[in-house]
Amino acid sequence: THTHLDHSPAIAPLAKATGAQIVGMPPADDLFQDNTFKPDWAMQHDDVIIADDFHLRAIHTPGHVSNHLCFLLEEEGVLLAGDHIMNGSTVVIVPPSGDMQAY
């Protein structure tokens, strides 16, 4: 969903082990991002991953970080919210990439 250091560093070895394509928005230019993250598909708002059984729509949701994406599983009406919505906790918003007004 985004390139904070507690999320994306494991994606390259996972993609290598599974053959999966890496998708997401490139990292923001600040000290809190995983600058090694290199997506195969640099997704934008409203891009759709089309699979045999589902469609997964990217929804750009800046605030927590400028490159945060949520994903809508369209057939089920289920939102994969990443760190945009937290149950029982607050989301850390650290400028410059984190922006409460964008949230």
PDB file of N, CA and C in Angstrom:
ATOM      1  N   THR A   1       0.813  -1.209   0.000  1.00  0.00           N
ATOM      2  CA  THR A   1       0.000   0.000   0.000  1.00  0.00           C
ATOM      3  C   THR A   1       0.850   1.263   0.000  1.00  0.00           C
ATOM      4  N   HIS A   2       2.083   1.181   0.531  1.00  0.00           N
ATOM      5  CA  HIS A   2       2.961   2.345   0.557  1.00  0.00           C
ATOM      6  C   HIS A   2       4.383   1.906   0.908  1.00  0.00           C
ATOM      7  N   THR A   3       5.292   2.858   0.861  1.00  0.00           N
ATOM      8  CA  THR A   3       6.712   2.511   0.946  1.00  0.00           C
ATOM      9  C   THR A   3       7.378   2.900   2.259  1.00  0.00           C
ATOM     10  N   HIS A   4       6.635   2.907   3.349  1.00  0.00           N
ATOM     11  CA  HIS A   4       7.304   3.075   4.644  1.00  0.00           C
ATOM     12  C   HIS A   4       8.183   1.854   4.901  1.00  0.00           C
ATOM     13  N   LEU A   5       9.220   2.049   5.665  1.00  0.00           N
ATOM     14  CA  LEU A   5      10.227   1.007   5.874  1.00  0.00           C
ATOM     15  C   LEU A   5       9.706  -0.221   6.607  1.00  0.00           C
ATOM     16  N   ASP A   6       8.543  -0.136   7.245  1.00  0.00           N
ATOM     17  CA  ASP A   6       7.970  -1.322   7.895  1.00  0.00           C
ATOM     18  C   ASP A   6       7.037  -2.088   6.961  1.00  0.00           C
ATOM     19  N   HIS A   7       6.976  -1.694   5.690  1.00  0.00           N
ATOM     20  CA  HIS A   7       6.085  -2.352   4.737  1.00  0.00           C
ATOM     21  C   HIS A   7       6.806  -2.946   3.530  1.00  0.00           C
ATOM     22  N   SER A   8       7.444  -2.107   2.741  1.00  0.00           N
ATOM     23  CA  SER A   8       7.855  -2.539   1.406  1.00  0.00           C
ATOM     24  C   SER A   8       9.205  -3.235   1.257  1.00  0.00           C
ATOM     25  N   PRO A   9      10.142  -3.194   2.199  1.00  0.00           N
ATOM     26  CA  PRO A   9      11.429  -3.853   1.949  1.00  0.00           C
ATOM     27  C   PRO A   9      11.336  -5.357   1.670  1.00  0.00           C
ATOM     28  N   ALA A  10      10.319  -6.026   2.140  1.00  0.00           N
ATOM     29  CA  ALA A  10      10.197  -7.475   1.917  1.00  0.00           C
ATOM     30  C   ALA A  10       9.625  -7.819   0.547  1.00  0.00           C
ATOM     31  N   ILE A  11       9.180  -6.823  -0.209  1.00  0.00           N
ATOM     32  CA  ILE A  11       8.480  -7.122  -1.461  1.00  0.00           C
ATOM     33  C   ILE A  11       9.409  -7.696  -2.535  1.00  0.00           C
ATOM     34  N   ALA A  12      10.635  -7.214  -2.640  1.00  0.00           N
ATOM     35  CA  ALA A  12      11.541  -7.726  -3.681  1.00  0.00           C
ATOM     36  C   ALA A  12      11.847  -9.208  -3.484  1.00  0.00           C
ATOM     37  N   PRO A  13      12.223  -9.666  -2.272  1.00  0.00           N
ATOM     38  CA  PRO A  13      12.446 -11.104  -2.104  1.00  0.00           C
ATOM     39  C   PRO A  13      11.170 -11.925  -2.299  1.00  0.00           C
ATOM     40  N   LEU A  14      10.023 -11.375  -1.903  1.00  0.00           N
ATOM     41  CA  LEU A  14       8.759 -12.081  -2.106  1.00  0.00           C
ATOM     42  C   LEU A  14       8.451 -12.223  -3.593  1.00  0.00           C
ATOM     43  N   ALA A  15       8.648 -11.158  -4.352  1.00  0.00           N
ATOM     44  CA  ALA A  15       8.420 -11.213  -5.795  1.00  0.00           C
ATOM     45  C   ALA A  15       9.381 -12.194  -6.458  1.00  0.00           C
ATOM     46  N   LYS A  16      10.623 -12.197  -6.021  1.00  0.00           N
ATOM     47  CA  LYS A  16      11.607 -13.128  -6.585  1.00  0.00           C
ATOM     48  C   LYS A  16      11.215 -14.577  -6.300  1.00  0.00           C
ATOM     49  N   ALA A  17      10.740 -14.836  -5.094  1.00  0.00           N
ATOM     50  CA  ALA A  17      10.369 -16.204  -4.708  1.00  0.00           C
ATOM     51  C   ALA A  17       9.099 -16.689  -5.391  1.00  0.00           C
ATOM     52  N   THR A  18       8.197 -15.764  -5.733  1.00  0.00           N
ATOM     53  CA  THR A  18       6.891 -16.169  -6.275  1.00  0.00           C
ATOM     54  C   THR A  18       6.699 -15.842  -7.746  1.00  0.00           C
ATOM     55  N   GLY A  19       7.536 -14.961  -8.291  1.00  0.00           N
ATOM     56  CA  GLY A  19       7.344 -14.510  -9.663  1.00  0.00           C
ATOM     57  C   GLY A  19       6.280 -13.437  -9.790  1.00  0.00           C
ATOM     58  N   ALA A  20       5.811 -12.913  -8.675  1.00  0.00           N
ATOM     59  CA  ALA A  20       4.769 -11.885  -8.692  1.00  0.00           C
ATOM     60  C   ALA A  20       5.310 -10.567  -9.225  1.00  0.00           C
ATOM     61  N   GLN A  21       4.427  -9.803  -9.843  1.00  0.00           N
ATOM     62  CA  GLN A  21       4.759  -8.467 -10.300  1.00  0.00           C
ATOM     63  C   GLN A  21       4.621  -7.503  -9.118  1.00  0.00           C
ATOM     64  N   ILE A  22       5.524  -6.536  -9.013  1.00  0.00           N
ATOM     65  CA  ILE A  22       5.469  -5.524  -7.963  1.00  0.00           C
ATOM     66  C   ILE A  22       4.694  -4.324  -8.489  1.00  0.00           C
ATOM     67  N   VAL A  23       3.644  -3.943  -7.756  1.00  0.00           N
ATOM     68  CA  VAL A  23       2.836  -2.789  -8.143  1.00  0.00           C
ATOM     69  C   VAL A  23       2.777  -1.806  -6.982  1.00  0.00           C
ATOM     70  N   GLY A  24       2.623  -0.547  -7.294  1.00  0.00           N
ATOM     71  CA  GLY A  24       2.517   0.488  -6.277  1.00  0.00           C
ATOM     72  C   GLY A  24       3.012   1.803  -6.826  1.00  0.00           C
ATOM     73  N   MET A  25       2.931   2.820  -5.995  1.00  0.00           N
ATOM     74  CA  MET A  25       3.438   4.135  -6.381  1.00  0.00           C
ATOM     75  C   MET A  25       4.897   4.246  -5.931  1.00  0.00           C
ATOM     76  N   PRO A  26       5.737   4.895  -6.726  1.00  0.00           N
ATOM     77  CA  PRO A  26       7.132   5.083  -6.322  1.00  0.00           C
ATOM     78  C   PRO A  26       7.222   5.816  -4.982  1.00  0.00           C
ATOM     79  N   PRO A  27       8.327   5.638  -4.270  1.00  0.00           N
ATOM     80  CA  PRO A  27       8.456   6.257  -2.950  1.00  0.00           C
ATOM     81  C   PRO A  27       8.530   7.777  -3.015  1.00  0.00           C
ATOM     82  N   ALA A  28       8.001   8.388  -1.976  1.00  0.00           N
ATOM     83  CA  ALA A  28       8.140   9.835  -1.811  1.00  0.00           C
ATOM     84  C   ALA A  28       9.600  10.140  -1.485  1.00  0.00           C
ATOM     85  N   ASP A  29       9.996  11.354  -1.713  1.00  0.00           N
ATOM     86  CA  ASP A  29      11.383  11.750  -1.481  1.00  0.00           C
ATOM     87  C   ASP A  29      11.539  12.304  -0.067  1.00  0.00           C
ATOM     88  N   ASP A  30      11.615  11.398   0.914  1.00  0.00           N
ATOM     89  CA  ASP A  30      11.921  11.809   2.281  1.00  0.00           C
ATOM     90  C   ASP A  30      12.643  10.674   2.994  1.00  0.00           C
ATOM     91  N   LEU A  31      13.076  10.900   4.193  1.00  0.00           N
ATOM     92  CA  LEU A  31      13.922   9.939   4.904  1.00  0.00           C
ATOM     93  C   LEU A  31      13.179   8.716   5.420  1.00  0.00           C
ATOM     94  N   PHE A  32      11.860   8.709   5.374  1.00  0.00           N
ATOM     95  CA  PHE A  32      11.077   7.630   5.957  1.00  0.00           C
ATOM     96  C   PHE A  32      10.600   6.614   4.919  1.00  0.00           C
ATOM     97  N   GLN A  33      11.100   6.696   3.696  1.00  0.00           N
ATOM     98  CA  GLN A  33      10.637   5.840   2.610  1.00  0.00           C
ATOM     99  C   GLN A  33      11.673   4.777   2.256  1.00  0.00           C
ATOM    100  N   ASP A  34      11.181   3.683   1.705  1.00  0.00           N
ATOM    101  CA  ASP A  34      12.040   2.623   1.180  1.00  0.00           C
ATOM    102  C   ASP A  34      12.418   2.997  -0.247  1.00  0.00           C
ATOM    103  N   ASN A  35      13.559   3.625  -0.406  1.00  0.00           N
ATOM    104  CA  ASN A  35      13.982   4.073  -1.730  1.00  0.00           C
ATOM    105  C   ASN A  35      14.473   2.943  -2.617  1.00  0.00           C
ATOM    106  N   THR A  36      14.503   1.705  -2.103  1.00  0.00           N
ATOM    107  CA  THR A  36      14.839   0.552  -2.945  1.00  0.00           C
ATOM    108  C   THR A  36      13.601   0.021  -3.666  1.00  0.00           C
ATOM    109  N   PHE A  37      12.415   0.493  -3.298  1.00  0.00           N
ATOM    110  CA  PHE A  37      11.171   0.014  -3.905  1.00  0.00           C
ATOM    111  C   PHE A  37      11.100   0.469  -5.358  1.00  0.00           C
ATOM    112  N   LYS A  38      11.036  -0.502  -6.256  1.00  0.00           N
ATOM    113  CA  LYS A  38      10.968  -0.233  -7.691  1.00  0.00           C
ATOM    114  C   LYS A  38       9.799  -1.029  -8.270  1.00  0.00           C
ATOM    115  N   PRO A  39       8.645  -0.402  -8.430  1.00  0.00           N
ATOM    116  CA  PRO A  39       7.498  -1.154  -8.938  1.00  0.00           C
ATOM    117  C   PRO A  39       7.652  -1.515 -10.415  1.00  0.00           C
ATOM    118  N   ASP A  40       7.155  -2.704 -10.769  1.00  0.00           N
ATOM    119  CA  ASP A  40       7.064  -3.079 -12.181  1.00  0.00           C
ATOM    120  C   ASP A  40       5.956  -2.269 -12.851  1.00  0.00           C
ATOM    121  N   TRP A  41       4.928  -1.959 -12.072  1.00  0.00           N
ATOM    122  CA  TRP A  41       3.805  -1.149 -12.545  1.00  0.00           C
ATOM    123  C   TRP A  41       3.642  -0.004 -11.554  1.00  0.00           C
ATOM    124  N   ALA A  42       3.986   1.204 -11.976  1.00  0.00           N
ATOM    125  CA  ALA A  42       3.803   2.390 -11.134  1.00  0.00           C
ATOM    126  C   ALA A  42       2.339   2.805 -11.237  1.00  0.00           C
ATOM    127  N   MET A  43       1.554   2.296 -10.316  1.00  0.00           N
ATOM    128  CA  MET A  43       0.107   2.499 -10.358  1.00  0.00           C
ATOM    129  C   MET A  43      -0.266   3.948 -10.068  1.00  0.00           C
ATOM    130  N   GLN A  44      -1.401   4.331 -10.605  1.00  0.00           N
ATOM    131  CA  GLN A  44      -1.996   5.639 -10.364  1.00  0.00           C
ATOM    132  C   GLN A  44      -3.435   5.425  -9.904  1.00  0.00           C
ATOM    133  N   HIS A  45      -4.051   6.487  -9.409  1.00  0.00           N
ATOM    134  CA  HIS A  45      -5.445   6.425  -8.975  1.00  0.00           C
ATOM    135  C   HIS A  45      -6.320   5.880 -10.105  1.00  0.00           C
ATOM    136  N   ASP A  46      -7.178   4.943  -9.771  1.00  0.00           N
ATOM    137  CA  ASP A  46      -8.158   4.325 -10.678  1.00  0.00           C
ATOM    138  C   ASP A  46      -7.580   3.262 -11.609  1.00  0.00           C
ATOM    139  N   ASP A  47      -6.283   2.957 -11.522  1.00  0.00           N
ATOM    140  CA  ASP A  47      -5.760   1.810 -12.265  1.00  0.00           C
ATOM    141  C   ASP A  47      -6.413   0.548 -11.709  1.00  0.00           C
ATOM    142  N   VAL A  48      -6.609  -0.441 -12.566  1.00  0.00           N
ATOM    143  CA  VAL A  48      -7.292  -1.667 -12.151  1.00  0.00           C
ATOM    144  C   VAL A  48      -6.443  -2.881 -12.503  1.00  0.00           C
ATOM    145  N   ILE A  49      -6.241  -3.741 -11.517  1.00  0.00           N
ATOM    146  CA  ILE A  49      -5.639  -5.049 -11.741  1.00  0.00           C
ATOM    147  C   ILE A  49      -6.781  -5.977 -12.118  1.00  0.00           C
ATOM    148  N   ILE A  50      -6.697  -6.566 -13.303  1.00  0.00           N
ATOM    149  CA  ILE A  50      -7.761  -7.448 -13.785  1.00  0.00           C
ATOM    150  C   ILE A  50      -7.251  -8.878 -13.749  1.00  0.00           C
ATOM    151  N   ALA A  51      -7.904  -9.702 -12.958  1.00  0.00           N
ATOM    152  CA  ALA A  51      -7.584 -11.126 -12.866  1.00  0.00           C
ATOM    153  C   ALA A  51      -8.795 -11.918 -13.345  1.00  0.00           C
ATOM    154  N   ASP A  52      -8.656 -13.226 -13.440  1.00  0.00           N
ATOM    155  CA  ASP A  52      -9.761 -14.058 -13.914  1.00  0.00           C
ATOM    156  C   ASP A  52     -11.005 -13.912 -13.050  1.00  0.00           C
ATOM    157  N   ASP A  53     -10.817 -13.840 -11.734  1.00  0.00           N
ATOM    158  CA  ASP A  53     -11.953 -13.870 -10.815  1.00  0.00           C
ATOM    159  C   ASP A  53     -12.241 -12.559 -10.109  1.00  0.00           C
ATOM    160  N   PHE A  54     -11.438 -11.538 -10.321  1.00  0.00           N
ATOM    161  CA  PHE A  54     -11.659 -10.289  -9.586  1.00  0.00           C
ATOM    162  C   PHE A  54     -11.014  -9.104 -10.285  1.00  0.00           C
ATOM    163  N   HIS A  55     -11.469  -7.924  -9.886  1.00  0.00           N
ATOM    164  CA  HIS A  55     -10.875  -6.652 -10.296  1.00  0.00           C
ATOM    165  C   HIS A  55     -10.476  -5.913  -9.024  1.00  0.00           C
ATOM    166  N   LEU A  56      -9.258  -5.404  -9.000  1.00  0.00           N
ATOM    167  CA  LEU A  56      -8.743  -4.700  -7.834  1.00  0.00           C
ATOM    168  C   LEU A  56      -8.384  -3.278  -8.264  1.00  0.00           C
ATOM    169  N   ARG A  57      -9.165  -2.302  -7.800  1.00  0.00           N
ATOM    170  CA  ARG A  57      -8.991  -0.907  -8.208  1.00  0.00           C
ATOM    171  C   ARG A  57      -8.122  -0.152  -7.206  1.00  0.00           C
ATOM    172  N   ALA A  58      -7.105   0.542  -7.713  1.00  0.00           N
ATOM    173  CA  ALA A  58      -6.236   1.370  -6.874  1.00  0.00           C
ATOM    174  C   ALA A  58      -6.931   2.695  -6.583  1.00  0.00           C
ATOM    175  N   ILE A  59      -6.912   3.082  -5.316  1.00  0.00           N
ATOM    176  CA  ILE A  59      -7.478   4.361  -4.898  1.00  0.00           C
ATOM    177  C   ILE A  59      -6.373   5.126  -4.171  1.00  0.00           C
ATOM    178  N   HIS A  60      -5.946   6.226  -4.765  1.00  0.00           N
ATOM    179  CA  HIS A  60      -4.878   7.023  -4.163  1.00  0.00           C
ATOM    180  C   HIS A  60      -5.426   7.711  -2.917  1.00  0.00           C
ATOM    181  N   THR A  61      -4.811   7.431  -1.781  1.00  0.00           N
ATOM    182  CA  THR A  61      -5.279   7.952  -0.492  1.00  0.00           C
ATOM    183  C   THR A  61      -4.112   8.577   0.268  1.00  0.00           C
ATOM    184  N   PRO A  62      -3.642   9.745  -0.178  1.00  0.00           N
ATOM    185  CA  PRO A  62      -2.537  10.388   0.528  1.00  0.00           C
ATOM    186  C   PRO A  62      -2.972  10.841   1.919  1.00  0.00           C
ATOM    187  N   GLY A  63      -2.017  11.145   2.720  1.00  0.00           N
ATOM    188  CA  GLY A  63      -2.270  11.600   4.085  1.00  0.00           C
ATOM    189  C   GLY A  63      -1.266  10.944   5.005  1.00  0.00           C
ATOM    190  N   HIS A  64      -1.424   9.641   5.208  1.00  0.00           N
ATOM    191  CA  HIS A  64      -0.438   8.896   5.999  1.00  0.00           C
ATOM    192  C   HIS A  64       0.929   9.046   5.347  1.00  0.00           C
ATOM    193  N   VAL A  65       0.943   8.929   4.049  1.00  0.00           N
ATOM    194  CA  VAL A  65       2.125   9.157   3.216  1.00  0.00           C
ATOM    195  C   VAL A  65       1.603   9.500   1.819  1.00  0.00           C
ATOM    196  N   SER A  66       2.373  10.249   1.045  1.00  0.00           N
ATOM    197  CA  SER A  66       1.866  10.756  -0.235  1.00  0.00           C
ATOM    198  C   SER A  66       1.610   9.671  -1.278  1.00  0.00           C
ATOM    199  N   ASN A  67       2.249   8.520  -1.149  1.00  0.00           N
ATOM    200  CA  ASN A  67       2.075   7.471  -2.162  1.00  0.00           C
ATOM    201  C   ASN A  67       1.209   6.309  -1.663  1.00  0.00           C
ATOM    202  N   HIS A  68       0.389   6.547  -0.659  1.00  0.00           N
ATOM    203  CA  HIS A  68      -0.449   5.472  -0.111  1.00  0.00           C
ATOM    204  C   HIS A  68      -1.583   5.127  -1.077  1.00  0.00           C
ATOM    205  N   LEU A  69      -1.773   3.839  -1.290  1.00  0.00           N
ATOM    206  CA  LEU A  69      -2.891   3.344  -2.091  1.00  0.00           C
ATOM    207  C   LEU A  69      -3.748   2.417  -1.240  1.00  0.00           C
ATOM    208  N   CYS A  70      -5.056   2.562  -1.364  1.00  0.00           N
ATOM    209  CA  CYS A  70      -5.989   1.544  -0.895  1.00  0.00           C
ATOM    210  C   CYS A  70      -6.392   0.764  -2.139  1.00  0.00           C
ATOM    211  N   PHE A  71      -6.907  -0.431  -1.949  1.00  0.00           N
ATOM    212  CA  PHE A  71      -7.340  -1.247  -3.073  1.00  0.00           C
ATOM    213  C   PHE A  71      -8.766  -1.717  -2.836  1.00  0.00           C
ATOM    214  N   LEU A  72      -9.622  -1.496  -3.831  1.00  0.00           N
ATOM    215  CA  LEU A  72     -11.020  -1.894  -3.750  1.00  0.00           C
ATOM    216  C   LEU A  72     -11.221  -3.186  -4.528  1.00  0.00           C
ATOM    217  N   LEU A  73     -11.613  -4.238  -3.824  1.00  0.00           N
ATOM    218  CA  LEU A  73     -11.998  -5.497  -4.455  1.00  0.00           C
ATOM    219  C   LEU A  73     -13.433  -5.294  -4.926  1.00  0.00           C
ATOM    220  N   GLU A  74     -13.590  -4.946  -6.197  1.00  0.00           N
ATOM    221  CA  GLU A  74     -14.854  -4.427  -6.699  1.00  0.00           C
ATOM    222  C   GLU A  74     -16.013  -5.405  -6.573  1.00  0.00           C
ATOM    223  N   GLU A  75     -15.803  -6.658  -6.882  1.00  0.00           N
ATOM    224  CA  GLU A  75     -16.901  -7.625  -6.856  1.00  0.00           C
ATOM    225  C   GLU A  75     -17.457  -7.827  -5.452  1.00  0.00           C
ATOM    226  N   GLU A  76     -16.616  -7.686  -4.464  1.00  0.00           N
ATOM    227  CA  GLU A  76     -17.024  -7.919  -3.075  1.00  0.00           C
ATOM    228  C   GLU A  76     -17.355  -6.626  -2.332  1.00  0.00           C
ATOM    229  N   GLY A  77     -16.957  -5.484  -2.883  1.00  0.00           N
ATOM    230  CA  GLY A  77     -17.141  -4.223  -2.183  1.00  0.00           C
ATOM    231  C   GLY A  77     -16.273  -4.132  -0.940  1.00  0.00           C
ATOM    232  N   VAL A  78     -15.089  -4.739  -0.992  1.00  0.00           N
ATOM    233  CA  VAL A  78     -14.172  -4.775   0.151  1.00  0.00           C
ATOM    234  C   VAL A  78     -12.999  -3.839  -0.128  1.00  0.00           C
ATOM    235  N   LEU A  79     -12.692  -2.985   0.849  1.00  0.00           N
ATOM    236  CA  LEU A  79     -11.568  -2.070   0.735  1.00  0.00           C
ATOM    237  C   LEU A  79     -10.391  -2.599   1.540  1.00  0.00           C
ATOM    238  N   LEU A  80      -9.250  -2.785   0.871  1.00  0.00           N
ATOM    239  CA  LEU A  80      -7.993  -3.132   1.535  1.00  0.00           C
ATOM    240  C   LEU A  80      -7.319  -1.797   1.832  1.00  0.00           C
ATOM    241  N   ALA A  81      -7.348  -1.383   3.095  1.00  0.00           N
ATOM    242  CA  ALA A  81      -7.049   0.003   3.451  1.00  0.00           C
ATOM    243  C   ALA A  81      -5.607   0.265   3.861  1.00  0.00           C
ATOM    244  N   GLY A  82      -4.781  -0.762   3.986  1.00  0.00           N
ATOM    245  CA  GLY A  82      -3.400  -0.523   4.401  1.00  0.00           C
ATOM    246  C   GLY A  82      -3.349   0.235   5.710  1.00  0.00           C
ATOM    247  N   ASP A  83      -2.554   1.295   5.760  1.00  0.00           N
ATOM    248  CA  ASP A  83      -2.451   2.120   6.966  1.00  0.00           C
ATOM    249  C   ASP A  83      -3.371   3.337   6.920  1.00  0.00           C
ATOM    250  N   HIS A  84      -4.270   3.403   5.955  1.00  0.00           N
ATOM    251  CA  HIS A  84      -5.172   4.553   5.867  1.00  0.00           C
ATOM    252  C   HIS A  84      -6.218   4.525   6.980  1.00  0.00           C
ATOM    253  N   ILE A  85      -6.657   3.339   7.334  1.00  0.00           N
ATOM    254  CA  ILE A  85      -7.627   3.161   8.418  1.00  0.00           C
ATOM    255  C   ILE A  85      -7.041   2.144   9.382  1.00  0.00           C
ATOM    256  N   MET A  86      -6.991   2.486  10.651  1.00  0.00           N
ATOM    257  CA  MET A  86      -6.433   1.587  11.664  1.00  0.00           C
ATOM    258  C   MET A  86      -7.508   1.286  12.706  1.00  0.00           C
ATOM    259  N   ASN A  87      -7.638   0.052  13.097  1.00  0.00           N
ATOM    260  CA  ASN A  87      -8.606  -0.355  14.109  1.00  0.00           C
ATOM    261  C   ASN A  87      -7.968  -0.257  15.494  1.00  0.00           C
ATOM    262  N   GLY A  88      -8.506   0.619  16.334  1.00  0.00           N
ATOM    263  CA  GLY A  88      -8.020   0.724  17.702  1.00  0.00           C
ATOM    264  C   GLY A  88      -6.727   1.482  17.863  1.00  0.00           C
ATOM    265  N   SER A  89      -6.322   2.228  16.846  1.00  0.00           N
ATOM    266  CA  SER A  89      -5.047   2.933  16.890  1.00  0.00           C
ATOM    267  C   SER A  89      -5.151   4.168  16.006  1.00  0.00           C
ATOM    268  N   THR A  90      -4.198   5.062  16.139  1.00  0.00           N
ATOM    269  CA  THR A  90      -4.135   6.208  15.239  1.00  0.00           C
ATOM    270  C   THR A  90      -3.021   5.984  14.229  1.00  0.00           C
ATOM    271  N   VAL A  91      -3.118   6.679  13.131  1.00  0.00           N
ATOM    272  CA  VAL A  91      -2.128   6.586  12.063  1.00  0.00           C
ATOM    273  C   VAL A  91      -1.087   7.681  12.267  1.00  0.00           C
ATOM    274  N   VAL A  92       0.171   7.326  12.141  1.00  0.00           N
ATOM    275  CA  VAL A  92       1.255   8.304  12.238  1.00  0.00           C
ATOM    276  C   VAL A  92       1.317   9.093  10.935  1.00  0.00           C
ATOM    277  N   ILE A  93       1.372  10.396  11.048  1.00  0.00           N
ATOM    278  CA  ILE A  93       1.470  11.270   9.881  1.00  0.00           C
ATOM    279  C   ILE A  93       2.696  12.154  10.084  1.00  0.00           C
ATOM    280  N   VAL A  94       3.765  11.853   9.331  1.00  0.00           N
ATOM    281  CA  VAL A  94       5.037  12.555   9.494  1.00  0.00           C
ATOM    282  C   VAL A  94       5.333  13.357   8.226  1.00  0.00           C
ATOM    283  N   PRO A  95       5.336  14.693   8.323  1.00  0.00           N
ATOM    284  CA  PRO A  95       5.706  15.503   7.165  1.00  0.00           C
ATOM    285  C   PRO A  95       7.154  15.226   6.761  1.00  0.00           C
ATOM    286  N   PRO A  96       7.561  15.453   5.541  1.00  0.00           N
ATOM    287  CA  PRO A  96       6.800  16.167   4.531  1.00  0.00           C
ATOM    288  C   PRO A  96       5.839  15.289   3.732  1.00  0.00           C
ATOM    289  N   SER A  97       6.093  13.997   3.638  1.00  0.00           N
ATOM    290  CA  SER A  97       5.224  13.137   2.830  1.00  0.00           C
ATOM    291  C   SER A  97       3.876  12.903   3.496  1.00  0.00           C
ATOM    292  N   GLY A  98       3.858  12.760   4.802  1.00  0.00           N
ATOM    293  CA  GLY A  98       2.595  12.665   5.519  1.00  0.00           C
ATOM    294  C   GLY A  98       1.980  14.045   5.630  1.00  0.00           C
ATOM    295  N   ASP A  99       0.677  14.148   5.358  1.00  0.00           N
ATOM    296  CA  ASP A  99       0.039  15.461   5.296  1.00  0.00           C
ATOM    297  C   ASP A  99      -1.389  15.364   5.814  1.00  0.00           C
ATOM    298  N   MET A 100      -1.640  15.940   6.970  1.00  0.00           N
ATOM    299  CA  MET A 100      -2.957  15.853   7.584  1.00  0.00           C
ATOM    300  C   MET A 100      -4.037  16.474   6.703  1.00  0.00           C
ATOM    301  N   GLN A 101      -3.719  17.543   5.971  1.00  0.00           N
ATOM    302  CA  GLN A 101      -4.713  18.150   5.081  1.00  0.00           C
ATOM    303  C   GLN A 101      -5.078  17.217   3.937  1.00  0.00           C
ATOM    304  N   ALA A 102      -4.111  16.454   3.441  1.00  0.00           N
ATOM    305  CA  ALA A 102      -4.387  15.501   2.358  1.00  0.00           C
ATOM    306  C   ALA A 102      -5.180  14.312   2.861  1.00  0.00           C
ATOM    307  N   TYR A 103      -5.009  13.999   4.160  1.00  0.00           N
ATOM    308  CA  TYR A 103      -5.696  12.868   4.751  1.00  0.00           C
ATOM    309  C   TYR A 103      -7.188  13.079   4.667  1.00  0.00           C
TER     310      TYR A 103
END
